[in-house]
C-alpha atoms as a PDB file:
ATOM      1  CA  MET A   1     -43.287   7.913  40.032  1.00  0.00           C
ATOM      2  CA  GLU A   2     -40.694  10.658  39.957  1.00  0.00           C
ATOM      3  CA  ARG A   3     -41.355  14.231  38.870  1.00  0.00           C
ATOM      4  CA  GLY A   4     -39.097  13.889  35.795  1.00  0.00           C
ATOM      5  CA  ASP A   5     -41.026  10.820  34.627  1.00  0.00           C
ATOM      6  CA  ILE A   6     -44.308  12.701  34.993  1.00  0.00           C
ATOM      7  CA  GLU A   7     -42.944  15.709  33.123  1.00  0.00           C
ATOM      8  CA  GLU A   8     -41.821  13.470  30.264  1.00  0.00           C
ATOM      9  CA  LEU A   9     -45.151  11.634  29.976  1.00  0.00           C
ATOM     10  CA  PHE A  10     -47.148  14.870  30.165  1.00  0.00           C
ATOM     11  CA  ARG A  11     -44.860  17.004  27.999  1.00  0.00           C
ATOM     12  CA  SER A  12     -47.767  17.849  25.683  1.00  0.00           C
ATOM     13  CA  ILE A  13     -49.363  19.877  28.509  1.00  0.00           C
ATOM     14  CA  ALA A  14     -48.083  23.463  28.279  1.00  0.00           C
ATOM     15  CA  ASP A  15     -49.218  24.514  31.783  1.00  0.00           C
ATOM     16  CA  LEU A  16     -48.271  21.286  33.590  1.00  0.00           C
ATOM     17  CA  ARG A  17     -48.398  21.496  37.371  1.00  0.00           C
ATOM     18  CA  ILE A  18     -47.559  18.744  39.825  1.00  0.00           C
ATOM     19  CA  ARG A  19     -48.730  19.104  43.414  1.00  0.00           C
ATOM     20  CA  PRO A  20     -48.786  16.894  46.506  1.00  0.00           C
ATOM     21  CA  LEU A  21     -52.137  15.127  46.840  1.00  0.00           C
ATOM     22  CA  PHE A  22     -53.151  12.703  49.585  1.00  0.00           C
ATOM     23  CA  GLY A  23     -49.680  11.202  49.938  1.00  0.00           C
ATOM     24  CA  GLY A  24     -49.260  11.038  46.168  1.00  0.00           C
ATOM     25  CA  LYS A  25     -49.238  13.611  43.395  1.00  0.00           C
ATOM     26  CA  GLY A  26     -51.925  15.529  41.541  1.00  0.00           C
ATOM     27  CA  ILE A  27     -51.149  16.303  37.897  1.00  0.00           C
ATOM     28  CA  TYR A  28     -52.807  19.418  36.526  1.00  0.00           C
ATOM     29  CA  ASP A  29     -53.377  21.220  33.250  1.00  0.00           C
ATOM     30  CA  GLY A  30     -53.337  24.683  34.791  1.00  0.00           C
ATOM     31  CA  GLU A  31     -55.941  24.430  37.551  1.00  0.00           C
ATOM     32  CA  VAL A  32     -57.709  21.332  36.177  1.00  0.00           C
ATOM     33  CA  ILE A  33     -56.627  17.968  37.567  1.00  0.00           C
ATOM     34  CA  ILE A  34     -56.045  15.464  34.773  1.00  0.00           C
ATOM     35  CA  ALA A  35     -54.255  12.632  36.567  1.00  0.00           C
ATOM     36  CA  LEU A  36     -52.926  11.479  39.899  1.00  0.00           C
ATOM     37  CA  VAL A  37     -50.263   9.201  41.255  1.00  0.00           C
ATOM     38  CA  ALA A  38     -51.408   7.031  44.165  1.00  0.00           C
ATOM     39  CA  PHE A  39     -49.915   3.845  45.539  1.00  0.00           C
ATOM     40  CA  ASP A  40     -47.125   4.064  42.928  1.00  0.00           C
ATOM     41  CA  THR A  41     -49.656   3.938  40.087  1.00  0.00           C
ATOM     42  CA  LEU A  42     -50.482   6.634  37.539  1.00  0.00           C
ATOM     43  CA  PHE A  43     -54.223   7.132  37.151  1.00  0.00           C
ATOM     44  CA  LEU A  44     -55.691   9.228  34.321  1.00  0.00           C
ATOM     45  CA  LYS A  45     -58.930  11.221  34.535  1.00  0.00           C
ATOM     46  CA  SER A  46     -61.968   9.589  32.978  1.00  0.00           C
ATOM     47  CA  ASP A  47     -65.621  10.334  32.356  1.00  0.00           C
ATOM     48  CA  THR A  48     -68.469   8.473  30.688  1.00  0.00           C
ATOM     49  CA  ALA A  49     -67.160   9.382  27.223  1.00  0.00           C
ATOM     50  CA  ALA A  50     -63.655   8.010  27.892  1.00  0.00           C
ATOM     51  CA  GLU A  51     -64.403   5.063  30.170  1.00  0.00           C
ATOM     52  CA  ALA A  52     -64.840   2.484  27.390  1.00  0.00           C
ATOM     53  CA  ASP A  53     -61.410   3.370  25.960  1.00  0.00           C
ATOM     54  CA  TYR A  54     -59.750   2.758  29.325  1.00  0.00           C
ATOM     55  CA  VAL A  55     -61.601  -0.527  29.825  1.00  0.00           C
ATOM     56  CA  ALA A  56     -60.701  -1.702  26.304  1.00  0.00           C
ATOM     57  CA  ALA A  57     -57.028  -0.953  27.060  1.00  0.00           C
ATOM     58  CA  GLY A  58     -57.185  -3.124  30.185  1.00  0.00           C
ATOM     59  CA  SER A  59     -56.937  -0.215  32.616  1.00  0.00           C
ATOM     60  CA  THR A  60     -58.346  -0.582  36.104  1.00  0.00           C
ATOM     61  CA  PRO A  61     -60.364   2.030  37.987  1.00  0.00           C
ATOM     62  CA  PHE A  62     -58.991   3.880  40.997  1.00  0.00           C
ATOM     63  CA  VAL A  63     -60.834   2.715  44.089  1.00  0.00           C
ATOM     64  CA  TYR A  64     -60.298   4.523  47.377  1.00  0.00           C
ATOM     65  CA  GLU A  65     -60.786   2.493  50.523  1.00  0.00           C
ATOM     66  CA  ALA A  66     -60.904   4.351  53.826  1.00  0.00           C
ATOM     67  CA  ALA A  67     -60.789   2.338  57.028  1.00  0.00           C
ATOM     68  CA  GLY A  68     -64.261   1.308  58.123  1.00  0.00           C
ATOM     69  CA  ARG A  69     -65.963   2.642  54.989  1.00  0.00           C
ATOM     70  CA  LYS A  70     -67.207   1.239  51.721  1.00  0.00           C
ATOM     71  CA  PRO A  71     -64.780   1.438  48.784  1.00  0.00           C
ATOM     72  CA  VAL A  72     -65.359   4.485  46.575  1.00  0.00           C
ATOM     73  CA  ARG A  73     -64.683   4.297  42.854  1.00  0.00           C
ATOM     74  CA  MET A  74     -63.135   7.521  41.583  1.00  0.00           C
ATOM     75  CA  PRO A  75     -63.243   8.784  37.958  1.00  0.00           C
ATOM     76  CA  TYR A  76     -59.664   7.728  37.180  1.00  0.00           C
ATOM     77  CA  TYR A  77     -58.176   4.693  35.429  1.00  0.00           C
ATOM     78  CA  SER A  78     -54.666   3.263  35.499  1.00  0.00           C
ATOM     79  CA  CYS A  79     -52.482   4.415  32.650  1.00  0.00           C
ATOM     80  CA  PRO A  80     -52.082   1.687  30.002  1.00  0.00           C
ATOM     81  CA  PRO A  81     -48.527   0.264  30.279  1.00  0.00           C
ATOM     82  CA  GLU A  82     -47.652   0.868  26.609  1.00  0.00           C
ATOM     83  CA  ALA A  83     -47.889   4.631  27.250  1.00  0.00           C
ATOM     84  CA  PHE A  84     -44.708   4.432  29.334  1.00  0.00           C
ATOM     85  CA  ASP A  85     -42.725   3.101  26.369  1.00  0.00           C
ATOM     86  CA  ASP A  86     -44.107   5.102  23.446  1.00  0.00           C
ATOM     87  CA  PRO A  87     -44.332   8.924  23.516  1.00  0.00           C
ATOM     88  CA  GLU A  88     -47.056   8.965  20.835  1.00  0.00           C
ATOM     89  CA  ILE A  89     -49.236   6.550  22.779  1.00  0.00           C
ATOM     90  CA  ALA A  90     -48.549   8.550  25.952  1.00  0.00           C
ATOM     91  CA  ALA A  91     -49.661  11.747  24.202  1.00  0.00           C
ATOM     92  CA  GLU A  92     -52.907  10.056  23.100  1.00  0.00           C
ATOM     93  CA  TRP A  93     -53.741   8.933  26.644  1.00  0.00           C
ATOM     94  CA  VAL A  94     -52.798  12.318  28.096  1.00  0.00           C
ATOM     95  CA  ALA A  95     -55.132  13.927  25.543  1.00  0.00           C
ATOM     96  CA  THR A  96     -57.905  11.518  26.574  1.00  0.00           C
ATOM     97  CA  ALA A  97     -57.432  12.389  30.251  1.00  0.00           C
ATOM     98  CA  ARG A  98     -57.215  16.121  29.525  1.00  0.00           C
ATOM     99  CA  ALA A  99     -60.410  16.051  27.460  1.00  0.00           C
ATOM    100  CA  ALA A 100     -62.276  14.102  30.159  1.00  0.00           C
ATOM    101  CA  ALA A 101     -61.118  16.533  32.841  1.00  0.00           C
ATOM    102  CA  HIS A 102     -62.130  19.596  30.866  1.00  0.00           C
ATOM    103  CA  ARG A 103     -65.522  18.070  29.970  1.00  0.00           C
ATOM    104  CA  THR A 104     -66.100  17.432  33.673  1.00  0.00           C
ATOM    105  CA  VAL A 105     -65.221  21.011  34.601  1.00  0.00           C
ATOM    106  CA  SER A 106     -67.434  22.412  31.807  1.00  0.00           C
ATOM    107  CA  SER A 107     -70.317  20.214  32.906  1.00  0.00           C
ATOM    108  CA  ARG A 108     -70.007  21.372  36.528  1.00  0.00           C
ATOM    109  CA  ARG A 109     -69.905  25.020  35.467  1.00  0.00           C
ATOM    110  CA  SER A 110     -72.998  24.572  33.289  1.00  0.00           C
ATOM    111  CA  ARG A 111     -74.907  22.940  36.163  1.00  0.00           C
ATOM    112  CA  ALA A 112     -73.822  25.718  38.532  1.00  0.00           C
ATOM    113  CA  ARG A 113     -75.044  28.407  36.111  1.00  0.00           C
ATOM    114  CA  ARG A 114     -78.393  26.634  35.641  1.00  0.00           C
ATOM    115  CA  THR A 115     -78.805  26.276  39.405  1.00  0.00           C
ATOM    116  CA  ALA A 116     -77.882  29.905  40.044  1.00  0.00           C
ATOM    117  CA  GLY A 117     -80.315  31.014  37.346  1.00  0.00           C
ATOM    118  CA  SER A 118     -83.176  29.050  38.871  1.00  0.00           C
ATOM    119  CA  ASN A 119     -82.653  30.750  42.237  1.00  0.00           C
ATOM    120  CA  ARG A 120     -83.453  34.215  40.893  1.00  0.00           C
END
């Protein structure tokens, strides 16, 4: 997937950043990763709140397989194909991925604060 295609799909993200990531591309909303391109496939960030939407759309999870290791399922799902043809549908899926990513970051920060507070 070319940079221009990514920029078009993610045009609703004001602070869009695209960086190299493991031979593919990481797609960020500022410093928060919201999607990635791996093996010529666009994967959008998911969490427990968004997973059912991805599954209902027929998306498949991103599974990383390192040589000699068990496959690891990552919290990303393939972008539904209709998003590539319809800017409104694309914006909806980008919003889903962005929300999942920001919920994940907020959850991690909350856990870190609770853990730090219990160590006092």
